[in-house]
Amino acid sequence: MSTQTLAGPRLARRRGPVLTLLCWLAVAPLALWAVVRLGGLERGPLVQLVAFTPYAAAASPLPLVLALALRRWGPAALATLAALALVGAVAPRAIADDGTVASGPELRVLTANVLGGAGDPAALVGLVRDARVDVLALQEFDPGTGAALDRLGLVTLLPYRQLNPVADASGSALYSRYPLTDGGVRRNAGGFTQAYGTLRVPGAPAVLVESVHPASPYSLAMLDDWRDDLRAEPPATPRGPLRILAGDFNATLDHAPLRDLLDTGYADAAATAGAGLAGTWGPYDGDPIPPVTIDHVLVDRRIGVRRVAVHPPAGSDHRPVLAELTLPAG
């Protein structure tokens, strides 16, 4: 028997453990990601990382293909579980749900972060006019933006308002086509403010509406404020008044605090309409960040969702989100 004949099996034996280790190393990060996501275990830097879970779900079949190709059945089994967990958590957002069928009047709600005055007021007013918006929720609302919006005709389109213009990007605003009563503004622990009011739409029960803006988890020092602000958002009241929360939540549906808020009785309008994977923040002001979905319209589950559209950014790093809803008859 020649030396060359023996070399093949020896080489294969030496490469076998290396290839097995390669498979485990490829599978392990996605498996850990699935555990963190499903367990709501995001802490520290993982809070930011979890926002990109849809990208991890899209990549999750790759380690499985590698393990199957190399016939590494242990890594293949773990890769299968991780892929099923991640895809199962993300995919429903792209599938329209019939949801609640309400028989009352339609309501169009638009939310936009105007980036402390960097947004384009003309584009925003044009969108309100063209889309026949009934309620406009703004975040990072400043005095200059408020004055420009009224000069451009928003005061005629949406005459009712609860405004808190602030020059340091902590401002908030609600504009409405319908009477807005019992209004006010509250300040979150993280510093941003939230305008709120009770919407009186003819033919429907009163609806409590709030322009939402919890703290951003942009640094480790802000994580406590981020969690506290999300926990302080008004819970749904399934046996009480209707509620709508619209704004820049600084959280995706993969963050446990936002899912906890949904569990009180809200539905995410975009996910209900099958548009829950449309990115709303990321590269729109030039930052090399993949888009993530942190702007939401949350609605009481008694409210129907007809359609959700994410519009091009108008000078901001956020894309406006328009939700077409149907209120219960009242």
C-alpha atoms as a PDB file:
ATOM      1  CA  MET A   1       0.000   0.000   0.000  1.00  0.00           C
ATOM      2  CA  SER A   2       1.463   3.328  -1.019  1.00  0.00           C
ATOM      3  CA  THR A   3       2.074   6.338   1.210  1.00  0.00           C
ATOM      4  CA  GLN A   4      -0.169   8.388  -1.097  1.00  0.00           C
ATOM      5  CA  THR A   5      -3.052   5.974  -0.533  1.00  0.00           C
ATOM      6  CA  LEU A   6      -2.791   6.367   3.261  1.00  0.00           C
ATOM      7  CA  ALA A   7      -2.496  10.165   3.148  1.00  0.00           C
ATOM      8  CA  GLY A   8      -6.120  10.709   2.095  1.00  0.00           C
ATOM      9  CA  PRO A   9      -7.789   9.076   5.125  1.00  0.00           C
ATOM     10  CA  ARG A  10      -5.291  10.665   7.544  1.00  0.00           C
ATOM     11  CA  LEU A  11      -5.974  14.122   6.094  1.00  0.00           C
ATOM     12  CA  ALA A  12      -9.697  13.576   6.290  1.00  0.00           C
ATOM     13  CA  ARG A  13      -9.403  12.537   9.953  1.00  0.00           C
ATOM     14  CA  ARG A  14      -7.419  15.661  10.765  1.00  0.00           C
ATOM     15  CA  ARG A  15      -9.858  17.951   8.939  1.00  0.00           C
ATOM     16  CA  GLY A  16     -12.946  16.357  10.478  1.00  0.00           C
ATOM     17  CA  PRO A  17     -12.752  18.052  13.908  1.00  0.00           C
ATOM     18  CA  VAL A  18     -11.849  21.372  12.294  1.00  0.00           C
ATOM     19  CA  LEU A  19     -14.930  21.280  10.078  1.00  0.00           C
ATOM     20  CA  THR A  20     -17.103  20.271  13.013  1.00  0.00           C
ATOM     21  CA  LEU A  21     -15.775  23.189  15.047  1.00  0.00           C
ATOM     22  CA  LEU A  22     -16.408  25.502  12.106  1.00  0.00           C
ATOM     23  CA  CYS A  23     -20.034  24.403  11.995  1.00  0.00           C
ATOM     24  CA  TRP A  24     -20.530  24.937  15.729  1.00  0.00           C
ATOM     25  CA  LEU A  25     -18.943  28.390  15.495  1.00  0.00           C
ATOM     26  CA  ALA A  26     -21.270  29.303  12.624  1.00  0.00           C
ATOM     27  CA  VAL A  27     -24.383  28.098  14.441  1.00  0.00           C
ATOM     28  CA  ALA A  28     -23.659  29.334  17.974  1.00  0.00           C
ATOM     29  CA  PRO A  29     -24.181  33.105  17.437  1.00  0.00           C
ATOM     30  CA  LEU A  30     -27.605  32.606  15.859  1.00  0.00           C
ATOM     31  CA  ALA A  31     -28.608  30.107  18.537  1.00  0.00           C
ATOM     32  CA  LEU A  32     -27.635  32.581  21.260  1.00  0.00           C
ATOM     33  CA  TRP A  33     -29.461  35.347  19.398  1.00  0.00           C
ATOM     34  CA  ALA A  34     -32.614  33.199  19.336  1.00  0.00           C
ATOM     35  CA  VAL A  35     -32.349  32.542  23.081  1.00  0.00           C
ATOM     36  CA  VAL A  36     -31.919  36.251  23.846  1.00  0.00           C
ATOM     37  CA  ARG A  37     -34.792  37.263  21.558  1.00  0.00           C
ATOM     38  CA  LEU A  38     -37.282  34.636  22.696  1.00  0.00           C
ATOM     39  CA  GLY A  39     -36.379  35.055  26.344  1.00  0.00           C
ATOM     40  CA  GLY A  40     -36.443  38.860  26.327  1.00  0.00           C
ATOM     41  CA  LEU A  41     -32.917  38.754  27.728  1.00  0.00           C
ATOM     42  CA  GLU A  42     -31.440  41.753  25.921  1.00  0.00           C
ATOM     43  CA  ARG A  43     -29.145  43.683  28.237  1.00  0.00           C
ATOM     44  CA  GLY A  44     -26.318  46.156  27.688  1.00  0.00           C
ATOM     45  CA  PRO A  45     -25.101  46.256  24.076  1.00  0.00           C
ATOM     46  CA  LEU A  46     -27.551  43.479  23.189  1.00  0.00           C
ATOM     47  CA  VAL A  47     -30.393  46.033  23.339  1.00  0.00           C
ATOM     48  CA  GLN A  48     -29.126  47.700  20.184  1.00  0.00           C
ATOM     49  CA  LEU A  49     -28.189  44.399  18.559  1.00  0.00           C
ATOM     50  CA  VAL A  50     -31.665  42.892  19.031  1.00  0.00           C
ATOM     51  CA  ALA A  51     -33.119  45.653  16.839  1.00  0.00           C
ATOM     52  CA  PHE A  52     -31.506  43.883  13.875  1.00  0.00           C
ATOM     53  CA  THR A  53     -33.207  40.535  14.531  1.00  0.00           C
ATOM     54  CA  PRO A  54     -34.940  40.506  11.098  1.00  0.00           C
ATOM     55  CA  TYR A  55     -31.498  40.458   9.476  1.00  0.00           C
ATOM     56  CA  ALA A  56     -30.417  37.589  11.736  1.00  0.00           C
ATOM     57  CA  ALA A  57     -33.581  35.711  10.760  1.00  0.00           C
ATOM     58  CA  ALA A  58     -32.828  36.233   7.072  1.00  0.00           C
ATOM     59  CA  ALA A  59     -29.296  34.878   7.564  1.00  0.00           C
ATOM     60  CA  SER A  60     -30.302  31.969   9.799  1.00  0.00           C
ATOM     61  CA  PRO A  61     -30.582  29.323   7.024  1.00  0.00           C
ATOM     62  CA  LEU A  62     -26.914  29.766   6.052  1.00  0.00           C
ATOM     63  CA  PRO A  63     -25.354  27.873   9.003  1.00  0.00           C
ATOM     64  CA  LEU A  64     -27.959  25.152   8.486  1.00  0.00           C
ATOM     65  CA  VAL A  65     -26.958  24.751   4.849  1.00  0.00           C
ATOM     66  CA  LEU A  66     -23.294  24.605   5.859  1.00  0.00           C
ATOM     67  CA  ALA A  67     -23.914  21.961   8.526  1.00  0.00           C
ATOM     68  CA  LEU A  68     -26.037  19.824   6.197  1.00  0.00           C
ATOM     69  CA  ALA A  69     -23.475  20.077   3.416  1.00  0.00           C
ATOM     70  CA  LEU A  70     -20.749  18.844   5.782  1.00  0.00           C
ATOM     71  CA  ARG A  71     -23.065  16.248   7.380  1.00  0.00           C
ATOM     72  CA  ARG A  72     -22.602  17.637  10.871  1.00  0.00           C
ATOM     73  CA  TRP A  73     -25.914  16.566  12.357  1.00  0.00           C
ATOM     74  CA  GLY A  74     -25.535  18.113  15.805  1.00  0.00           C
ATOM     75  CA  PRO A  75     -24.875  21.619  14.478  1.00  0.00           C
ATOM     76  CA  ALA A  76     -27.574  21.052  11.851  1.00  0.00           C
ATOM     77  CA  ALA A  77     -30.160  20.273  14.529  1.00  0.00           C
ATOM     78  CA  LEU A  78     -29.253  23.374  16.547  1.00  0.00           C
ATOM     79  CA  ALA A  79     -29.243  25.508  13.382  1.00  0.00           C
ATOM     80  CA  THR A  80     -32.723  24.252  12.535  1.00  0.00           C
ATOM     81  CA  LEU A  81     -34.068  25.218  15.954  1.00  0.00           C
ATOM     82  CA  ALA A  82     -32.434  28.662  15.801  1.00  0.00           C
ATOM     83  CA  ALA A  83     -33.744  29.353  12.298  1.00  0.00           C
ATOM     84  CA  LEU A  84     -37.276  28.270  13.205  1.00  0.00           C
ATOM     85  CA  ALA A  85     -37.224  30.474  16.312  1.00  0.00           C
ATOM     86  CA  LEU A  86     -35.940  33.594  14.567  1.00  0.00           C
ATOM     87  CA  VAL A  87     -38.026  33.267  11.417  1.00  0.00           C
ATOM     88  CA  GLY A  88     -41.077  32.402  13.512  1.00  0.00           C
ATOM     89  CA  ALA A  89     -40.615  35.581  15.549  1.00  0.00           C
ATOM     90  CA  VAL A  90     -40.156  37.842  12.523  1.00  0.00           C
ATOM     91  CA  ALA A  91     -42.146  36.442   9.582  1.00  0.00           C
ATOM     92  CA  PRO A  92     -45.678  37.138  10.923  1.00  0.00           C
ATOM     93  CA  ARG A  93     -45.018  40.878  10.590  1.00  0.00           C
ATOM     94  CA  ALA A  94     -44.998  40.480   6.813  1.00  0.00           C
ATOM     95  CA  ILE A  95     -48.312  38.589   6.724  1.00  0.00           C
ATOM     96  CA  ALA A  96     -51.524  40.593   6.863  1.00  0.00           C
ATOM     97  CA  ASP A  97     -53.873  39.635   9.656  1.00  0.00           C
ATOM     98  CA  ASP A  98     -57.615  40.134   9.216  1.00  0.00           C
ATOM     99  CA  GLY A  99     -57.611  41.427  12.775  1.00  0.00           C
ATOM    100  CA  THR A 100     -60.536  43.371  14.156  1.00  0.00           C
ATOM    101  CA  VAL A 101     -63.398  44.335  11.871  1.00  0.00           C
ATOM    102  CA  ALA A 102     -64.826  47.623  13.128  1.00  0.00           C
ATOM    103  CA  SER A 103     -67.954  49.281  11.707  1.00  0.00           C
ATOM    104  CA  GLY A 104     -67.381  52.918  12.669  1.00  0.00           C
ATOM    105  CA  PRO A 105     -65.710  55.852  10.929  1.00  0.00           C
ATOM    106  CA  GLU A 106     -62.289  55.697   9.301  1.00  0.00           C
ATOM    107  CA  LEU A 107     -59.342  57.448  10.917  1.00  0.00           C
ATOM    108  CA  ARG A 108     -55.980  58.167   9.269  1.00  0.00           C
ATOM    109  CA  VAL A 109     -53.104  58.576  11.741  1.00  0.00           C
ATOM    110  CA  LEU A 110     -49.675  59.813  10.660  1.00  0.00           C
ATOM    111  CA  THR A 111     -46.593  59.869  12.879  1.00  0.00           C
ATOM    112  CA  ALA A 112     -43.307  61.580  12.019  1.00  0.00           C
ATOM    113  CA  ASN A 113     -40.119  62.489  13.854  1.00  0.00           C
ATOM    114  CA  VAL A 114     -39.122  65.916  12.484  1.00  0.00           C
ATOM    115  CA  LEU A 115     -35.570  65.755  13.867  1.00  0.00           C
ATOM    116  CA  GLY A 116     -35.613  68.944  15.908  1.00  0.00           C
ATOM    117  CA  GLY A 117     -36.371  71.195  12.959  1.00  0.00           C
ATOM    118  CA  ALA A 118     -34.389  69.389  10.243  1.00  0.00           C
ATOM    119  CA  GLY A 119     -37.545  67.973   8.677  1.00  0.00           C
ATOM    120  CA  ASP A 120     -39.214  69.420   5.591  1.00  0.00           C
ATOM    121  CA  PRO A 121     -42.476  71.136   6.676  1.00  0.00           C
ATOM    122  CA  ALA A 122     -43.696  71.547   3.094  1.00  0.00           C
ATOM    123  CA  ALA A 123     -43.349  67.836   2.371  1.00  0.00           C
ATOM    124  CA  LEU A 124     -45.115  67.001   5.621  1.00  0.00           C
ATOM    125  CA  VAL A 125     -48.063  69.308   4.906  1.00  0.00           C
ATOM    126  CA  GLY A 126     -48.267  67.903   1.385  1.00  0.00           C
ATOM    127  CA  LEU A 127     -48.467  64.371   2.776  1.00  0.00           C
ATOM    128  CA  VAL A 128     -51.158  65.397   5.274  1.00  0.00           C
ATOM    129  CA  ARG A 129     -53.169  66.960   2.453  1.00  0.00           C
ATOM    130  CA  ASP A 130     -52.710  64.182  -0.110  1.00  0.00           C
ATOM    131  CA  ALA A 131     -53.332  61.328   2.338  1.00  0.00           C
ATOM    132  CA  ARG A 132     -56.250  63.137   4.025  1.00  0.00           C
ATOM    133  CA  VAL A 133     -54.644  62.656   7.429  1.00  0.00           C
ATOM    134  CA  ASP A 134     -56.946  63.069  10.430  1.00  0.00           C
ATOM    135  CA  VAL A 135     -54.388  62.907  13.253  1.00  0.00           C
ATOM    136  CA  LEU A 136     -50.723  63.930  13.076  1.00  0.00           C
ATOM    137  CA  ALA A 137     -48.296  62.974  15.854  1.00  0.00           C
ATOM    138  CA  LEU A 138     -44.887  64.674  15.767  1.00  0.00           C
ATOM    139  CA  GLN A 139     -41.747  64.060  17.806  1.00  0.00           C
ATOM    140  CA  GLU A 140     -38.692  66.322  18.259  1.00  0.00           C
ATOM    141  CA  PHE A 141     -41.086  69.176  17.545  1.00  0.00           C
ATOM    142  CA  ASP A 142     -39.526  72.668  17.693  1.00  0.00           C
ATOM    143  CA  PRO A 143     -41.002  76.198  17.476  1.00  0.00           C
ATOM    144  CA  GLY A 144     -39.696  76.784  13.950  1.00  0.00           C
ATOM    145  CA  THR A 145     -41.401  73.679  12.624  1.00  0.00           C
ATOM    146  CA  GLY A 146     -44.673  74.633  14.267  1.00  0.00           C
ATOM    147  CA  ALA A 147     -44.635  78.112  12.729  1.00  0.00           C
ATOM    148  CA  ALA A 148     -43.701  76.779   9.291  1.00  0.00           C
ATOM    149  CA  LEU A 149     -46.453  74.164   9.332  1.00  0.00           C
ATOM    150  CA  ASP A 150     -49.099  76.780  10.037  1.00  0.00           C
ATOM    151  CA  ARG A 151     -47.742  79.127   7.349  1.00  0.00           C
ATOM    152  CA  LEU A 152     -48.036  76.254   4.887  1.00  0.00           C
ATOM    153  CA  GLY A 153     -51.688  75.619   5.732  1.00  0.00           C
ATOM    154  CA  LEU A 154     -51.686  72.902   8.394  1.00  0.00           C
ATOM    155  CA  VAL A 155     -53.814  75.126  10.627  1.00  0.00           C
ATOM    156  CA  THR A 156     -56.614  74.793   8.072  1.00  0.00           C
ATOM    157  CA  LEU A 157     -56.220  71.052   7.519  1.00  0.00           C
ATOM    158  CA  LEU A 158     -55.819  70.099  11.187  1.00  0.00           C
ATOM    159  CA  PRO A 159     -57.132  72.966  13.316  1.00  0.00           C
ATOM    160  CA  TYR A 160     -57.158  71.188  16.683  1.00  0.00           C
ATOM    161  CA  ARG A 161     -53.853  70.719  18.439  1.00  0.00           C
ATOM    162  CA  GLN A 162     -51.910  70.016  21.601  1.00  0.00           C
ATOM    163  CA  LEU A 163     -48.400  71.409  21.162  1.00  0.00           C
ATOM    164  CA  ASN A 164     -45.207  71.490  23.156  1.00  0.00           C
ATOM    165  CA  PRO A 165     -42.551  73.050  20.901  1.00  0.00           C
ATOM    166  CA  VAL A 166     -39.043  72.833  22.389  1.00  0.00           C
ATOM    167  CA  ALA A 167     -35.787  73.880  20.756  1.00  0.00           C
ATOM    168  CA  ASP A 168     -33.729  70.971  22.155  1.00  0.00           C
ATOM    169  CA  ALA A 169     -35.560  68.170  20.272  1.00  0.00           C
ATOM    170  CA  SER A 170     -37.592  67.109  23.299  1.00  0.00           C
ATOM    171  CA  GLY A 171     -40.791  68.678  21.939  1.00  0.00           C
ATOM    172  CA  SER A 172     -43.987  66.887  20.977  1.00  0.00           C
ATOM    173  CA  ALA A 173     -47.176  67.680  19.081  1.00  0.00           C
ATOM    174  CA  LEU A 174     -50.619  66.376  18.225  1.00  0.00           C
ATOM    175  CA  TYR A 175     -52.697  67.867  15.404  1.00  0.00           C
ATOM    176  CA  SER A 176     -56.235  66.772  14.592  1.00  0.00           C
ATOM    177  CA  ARG A 177     -59.034  67.284  12.107  1.00  0.00           C
ATOM    178  CA  TYR A 178     -61.484  66.530  14.907  1.00  0.00           C
ATOM    179  CA  PRO A 179     -61.889  68.177  18.310  1.00  0.00           C
ATOM    180  CA  LEU A 180     -59.103  67.302  20.738  1.00  0.00           C
ATOM    181  CA  THR A 181     -60.003  67.726  24.402  1.00  0.00           C
ATOM    182  CA  ASP A 182     -58.476  67.027  27.810  1.00  0.00           C
ATOM    183  CA  GLY A 183     -55.035  67.617  26.351  1.00  0.00           C
ATOM    184  CA  GLY A 184     -51.726  67.816  28.091  1.00  0.00           C
ATOM    185  CA  VAL A 185     -48.018  67.058  27.921  1.00  0.00           C
ATOM    186  CA  ARG A 186     -45.943  64.744  30.058  1.00  0.00           C
ATOM    187  CA  ARG A 187     -42.178  64.456  30.313  1.00  0.00           C
ATOM    188  CA  ASN A 188     -40.471  61.085  30.307  1.00  0.00           C
ATOM    189  CA  ALA A 189     -37.581  60.220  32.606  1.00  0.00           C
ATOM    190  CA  GLY A 190     -35.317  60.222  29.538  1.00  0.00           C
ATOM    191  CA  GLY A 191     -36.181  63.854  28.759  1.00  0.00           C
ATOM    192  CA  PHE A 192     -38.516  63.682  25.767  1.00  0.00           C
ATOM    193  CA  THR A 193     -42.074  64.966  26.136  1.00  0.00           C
ATOM    194  CA  GLN A 194     -45.329  63.437  24.908  1.00  0.00           C
ATOM    195  CA  ALA A 195     -48.405  65.412  23.890  1.00  0.00           C
ATOM    196  CA  TYR A 196     -51.752  63.707  24.443  1.00  0.00           C
ATOM    197  CA  GLY A 197     -55.457  64.383  24.153  1.00  0.00           C
ATOM    198  CA  THR A 198     -58.886  62.825  23.722  1.00  0.00           C
ATOM    199  CA  LEU A 199     -60.114  62.650  20.138  1.00  0.00           C
ATOM    200  CA  ARG A 200     -63.806  63.206  19.477  1.00  0.00           C
ATOM    201  CA  VAL A 201     -64.731  61.618  16.132  1.00  0.00           C
ATOM    202  CA  PRO A 202     -68.436  61.794  15.188  1.00  0.00           C
ATOM    203  CA  GLY A 203     -69.989  58.327  15.218  1.00  0.00           C
ATOM    204  CA  ALA A 204     -67.259  56.736  17.377  1.00  0.00           C
ATOM    205  CA  PRO A 205     -66.361  56.523  21.060  1.00  0.00           C
ATOM    206  CA  ALA A 206     -63.753  58.909  22.418  1.00  0.00           C
ATOM    207  CA  VAL A 207     -60.162  57.881  21.657  1.00  0.00           C
ATOM    208  CA  LEU A 208     -57.165  58.761  23.826  1.00  0.00           C
ATOM    209  CA  VAL A 209     -54.236  59.579  21.529  1.00  0.00           C
ATOM    210  CA  GLU A 210     -50.613  60.186  22.499  1.00  0.00           C
ATOM    211  CA  SER A 211     -47.479  61.165  20.562  1.00  0.00           C
ATOM    212  CA  VAL A 212     -44.933  58.695  21.920  1.00  0.00           C
ATOM    213  CA  HIS A 213     -41.200  59.279  22.319  1.00  0.00           C
ATOM    214  CA  PRO A 214     -39.320  57.284  24.983  1.00  0.00           C
ATOM    215  CA  ALA A 215     -35.578  57.674  25.420  1.00  0.00           C
ATOM    216  CA  SER A 216     -33.226  56.206  22.844  1.00  0.00           C
ATOM    217  CA  PRO A 217     -30.906  53.368  23.946  1.00  0.00           C
ATOM    218  CA  TYR A 218     -28.027  54.997  22.068  1.00  0.00           C
ATOM    219  CA  SER A 219     -25.615  54.439  24.971  1.00  0.00           C
ATOM    220  CA  LEU A 220     -25.353  52.115  27.960  1.00  0.00           C
ATOM    221  CA  ALA A 221     -26.024  55.059  30.269  1.00  0.00           C
ATOM    222  CA  MET A 222     -29.473  55.544  28.683  1.00  0.00           C
ATOM    223  CA  LEU A 223     -30.716  51.961  28.997  1.00  0.00           C
ATOM    224  CA  ASP A 224     -32.437  52.446  32.355  1.00  0.00           C
ATOM    225  CA  ASP A 225     -34.273  55.530  31.077  1.00  0.00           C
ATOM    226  CA  TRP A 226     -35.205  53.654  27.901  1.00  0.00           C
ATOM    227  CA  ARG A 227     -36.749  50.809  29.863  1.00  0.00           C
ATOM    228  CA  ASP A 228     -38.441  53.127  32.369  1.00  0.00           C
ATOM    229  CA  ASP A 229     -39.944  55.265  29.596  1.00  0.00           C
ATOM    230  CA  LEU A 230     -41.367  52.261  27.751  1.00  0.00           C
ATOM    231  CA  ARG A 231     -42.779  50.839  30.973  1.00  0.00           C
ATOM    232  CA  ALA A 232     -44.401  54.206  31.698  1.00  0.00           C
ATOM    233  CA  GLU A 233     -46.295  54.329  28.394  1.00  0.00           C
ATOM    234  CA  PRO A 234     -50.076  54.189  28.927  1.00  0.00           C
ATOM    235  CA  PRO A 235     -51.230  50.572  28.892  1.00  0.00           C
ATOM    236  CA  ALA A 236     -54.209  49.618  26.800  1.00  0.00           C
ATOM    237  CA  THR A 237     -57.563  49.620  28.565  1.00  0.00           C
ATOM    238  CA  PRO A 238     -59.523  46.770  26.946  1.00  0.00           C
ATOM    239  CA  ARG A 239     -62.545  47.394  29.183  1.00  0.00           C
ATOM    240  CA  GLY A 240     -62.171  51.175  29.153  1.00  0.00           C
ATOM    241  CA  PRO A 241     -61.443  53.975  26.694  1.00  0.00           C
ATOM    242  CA  LEU A 242     -59.947  53.339  23.280  1.00  0.00           C
ATOM    243  CA  ARG A 243     -56.263  54.281  23.000  1.00  0.00           C
ATOM    244  CA  ILE A 244     -53.840  54.963  20.177  1.00  0.00           C
ATOM    245  CA  LEU A 245     -50.102  55.441  20.732  1.00  0.00           C
ATOM    246  CA  ALA A 246     -48.240  56.811  17.708  1.00  0.00           C
ATOM    247  CA  GLY A 247     -44.633  57.859  17.492  1.00  0.00           C
ATOM    248  CA  ASP A 248     -40.943  57.094  17.664  1.00  0.00           C
ATOM    249  CA  PHE A 249     -40.784  54.272  20.213  1.00  0.00           C
ATOM    250  CA  ASN A 250     -37.024  53.780  19.870  1.00  0.00           C
ATOM    251  CA  ALA A 251     -37.808  50.059  20.021  1.00  0.00           C
ATOM    252  CA  THR A 252     -38.691  47.304  17.585  1.00  0.00           C
ATOM    253  CA  LEU A 253     -41.084  44.429  18.066  1.00  0.00           C
ATOM    254  CA  ASP A 254     -38.043  42.351  19.029  1.00  0.00           C
ATOM    255  CA  HIS A 255     -37.531  44.364  22.222  1.00  0.00           C
ATOM    256  CA  ALA A 256     -39.198  42.837  25.267  1.00  0.00           C
ATOM    257  CA  PRO A 257     -40.450  46.142  26.811  1.00  0.00           C
ATOM    258  CA  LEU A 258     -42.396  46.972  23.640  1.00  0.00           C
ATOM    259  CA  ARG A 259     -43.853  43.475  23.483  1.00  0.00           C
ATOM    260  CA  ASP A 260     -44.906  43.859  27.120  1.00  0.00           C
ATOM    261  CA  LEU A 261     -46.756  47.059  26.195  1.00  0.00           C
ATOM    262  CA  LEU A 262     -48.491  45.283  23.310  1.00  0.00           C
ATOM    263  CA  ASP A 263     -49.563  42.519  25.677  1.00  0.00           C
ATOM    264  CA  THR A 264     -51.694  44.991  27.642  1.00  0.00           C
ATOM    265  CA  GLY A 265     -54.134  45.041  24.718  1.00  0.00           C
ATOM    266  CA  TYR A 266     -52.559  46.868  21.778  1.00  0.00           C
ATOM    267  CA  ALA A 267     -51.912  45.708  18.218  1.00  0.00           C
ATOM    268  CA  ASP A 268     -49.067  47.036  16.107  1.00  0.00           C
ATOM    269  CA  ALA A 269     -50.840  48.491  13.072  1.00  0.00           C
ATOM    270  CA  ALA A 270     -48.007  47.786  10.627  1.00  0.00           C
ATOM    271  CA  ALA A 271     -47.616  44.150  11.711  1.00  0.00           C
ATOM    272  CA  THR A 272     -51.381  43.680  11.516  1.00  0.00           C
ATOM    273  CA  ALA A 273     -51.387  45.043   7.954  1.00  0.00           C
ATOM    274  CA  GLY A 274     -48.407  42.911   6.877  1.00  0.00           C
ATOM    275  CA  ALA A 275     -46.083  45.936   6.695  1.00  0.00           C
ATOM    276  CA  GLY A 276     -44.231  45.299   9.938  1.00  0.00           C
ATOM    277  CA  LEU A 277     -40.798  44.817   8.362  1.00  0.00           C
ATOM    278  CA  ALA A 278     -40.648  48.187   6.596  1.00  0.00           C
ATOM    279  CA  GLY A 279     -37.694  50.113   8.022  1.00  0.00           C
ATOM    280  CA  THR A 280     -38.453  53.507   9.531  1.00  0.00           C
ATOM    281  CA  TRP A 281     -35.051  54.644  10.833  1.00  0.00           C
ATOM    282  CA  GLY A 282     -31.462  54.097   9.782  1.00  0.00           C
ATOM    283  CA  PRO A 283     -29.619  55.323   6.711  1.00  0.00           C
ATOM    284  CA  TYR A 284     -31.912  58.202   5.753  1.00  0.00           C
ATOM    285  CA  ASP A 285     -29.570  60.961   6.943  1.00  0.00           C
ATOM    286  CA  GLY A 286     -26.425  59.253   5.687  1.00  0.00           C
ATOM    287  CA  ASP A 287     -25.552  56.989   8.622  1.00  0.00           C
ATOM    288  CA  PRO A 288     -24.383  53.535   7.439  1.00  0.00           C
ATOM    289  CA  ILE A 289     -26.989  51.717   9.534  1.00  0.00           C
ATOM    290  CA  PRO A 290     -29.359  49.087   8.098  1.00  0.00           C
ATOM    291  CA  PRO A 291     -32.974  50.244   8.428  1.00  0.00           C
ATOM    292  CA  VAL A 292     -34.880  49.147  11.519  1.00  0.00           C
ATOM    293  CA  THR A 293     -38.522  49.574  12.488  1.00  0.00           C
ATOM    294  CA  ILE A 294     -38.796  51.800  15.558  1.00  0.00           C
ATOM    295  CA  ASP A 295     -41.716  54.073  14.563  1.00  0.00           C
ATOM    296  CA  HIS A 296     -45.098  52.531  15.293  1.00  0.00           C
ATOM    297  CA  VAL A 297     -48.815  53.127  15.557  1.00  0.00           C
ATOM    298  CA  LEU A 298     -50.208  50.980  18.359  1.00  0.00           C
ATOM    299  CA  VAL A 299     -53.981  50.660  18.472  1.00  0.00           C
ATOM    300  CA  ASP A 300     -56.498  49.232  20.869  1.00  0.00           C
ATOM    301  CA  ARG A 301     -57.436  45.783  19.562  1.00  0.00           C
ATOM    302  CA  ARG A 302     -61.025  46.937  19.146  1.00  0.00           C
ATOM    303  CA  ILE A 303     -59.820  49.256  16.376  1.00  0.00           C
ATOM    304  CA  GLY A 304     -59.567  47.853  12.841  1.00  0.00           C
ATOM    305  CA  VAL A 305     -56.451  48.275  10.698  1.00  0.00           C
ATOM    306  CA  ARG A 306     -57.081  48.720   6.975  1.00  0.00           C
ATOM    307  CA  ARG A 307     -53.646  49.657   5.657  1.00  0.00           C
ATOM    308  CA  VAL A 308     -50.241  50.974   6.762  1.00  0.00           C
ATOM    309  CA  ALA A 309     -47.782  52.810   4.526  1.00  0.00           C
ATOM    310  CA  VAL A 310     -44.254  54.005   5.262  1.00  0.00           C
ATOM    311  CA  HIS A 311     -43.411  57.155   3.304  1.00  0.00           C
ATOM    312  CA  PRO A 312     -40.057  58.591   2.158  1.00  0.00           C
ATOM    313  CA  PRO A 313     -38.234  60.709   4.735  1.00  0.00           C
ATOM    314  CA  ALA A 314     -38.727  64.453   4.480  1.00  0.00           C
ATOM    315  CA  GLY A 315     -35.415  65.828   5.749  1.00  0.00           C
ATOM    316  CA  SER A 316     -35.447  63.613   8.830  1.00  0.00           C
ATOM    317  CA  ASP A 317     -33.692  60.374   9.718  1.00  0.00           C
ATOM    318  CA  HIS A 318     -37.125  58.787  10.224  1.00  0.00           C
ATOM    319  CA  ARG A 319     -39.745  57.794   7.668  1.00  0.00           C
ATOM    320  CA  PRO A 320     -43.340  58.878   8.402  1.00  0.00           C
ATOM    321  CA  VAL A 321     -45.776  56.046   9.122  1.00  0.00           C
ATOM    322  CA  LEU A 322     -49.416  56.355   8.020  1.00  0.00           C
ATOM    323  CA  ALA A 323     -52.015  54.003   9.488  1.00  0.00           C
ATOM    324  CA  GLU A 324     -55.530  53.839   8.028  1.00  0.00           C
ATOM    325  CA  LEU A 325     -57.826  52.649  10.809  1.00  0.00           C
ATOM    326  CA  THR A 326     -61.499  51.929  11.415  1.00  0.00           C
ATOM    327  CA  LEU A 327     -62.969  52.884  14.777  1.00  0.00           C
ATOM    328  CA  PRO A 328     -65.795  51.030  16.485  1.00  0.00           C
ATOM    329  CA  ALA A 329     -69.217  52.585  16.056  1.00  0.00           C
ATOM    330  CA  GLY A 330     -70.308  54.561  19.062  1.00  0.00           C
END
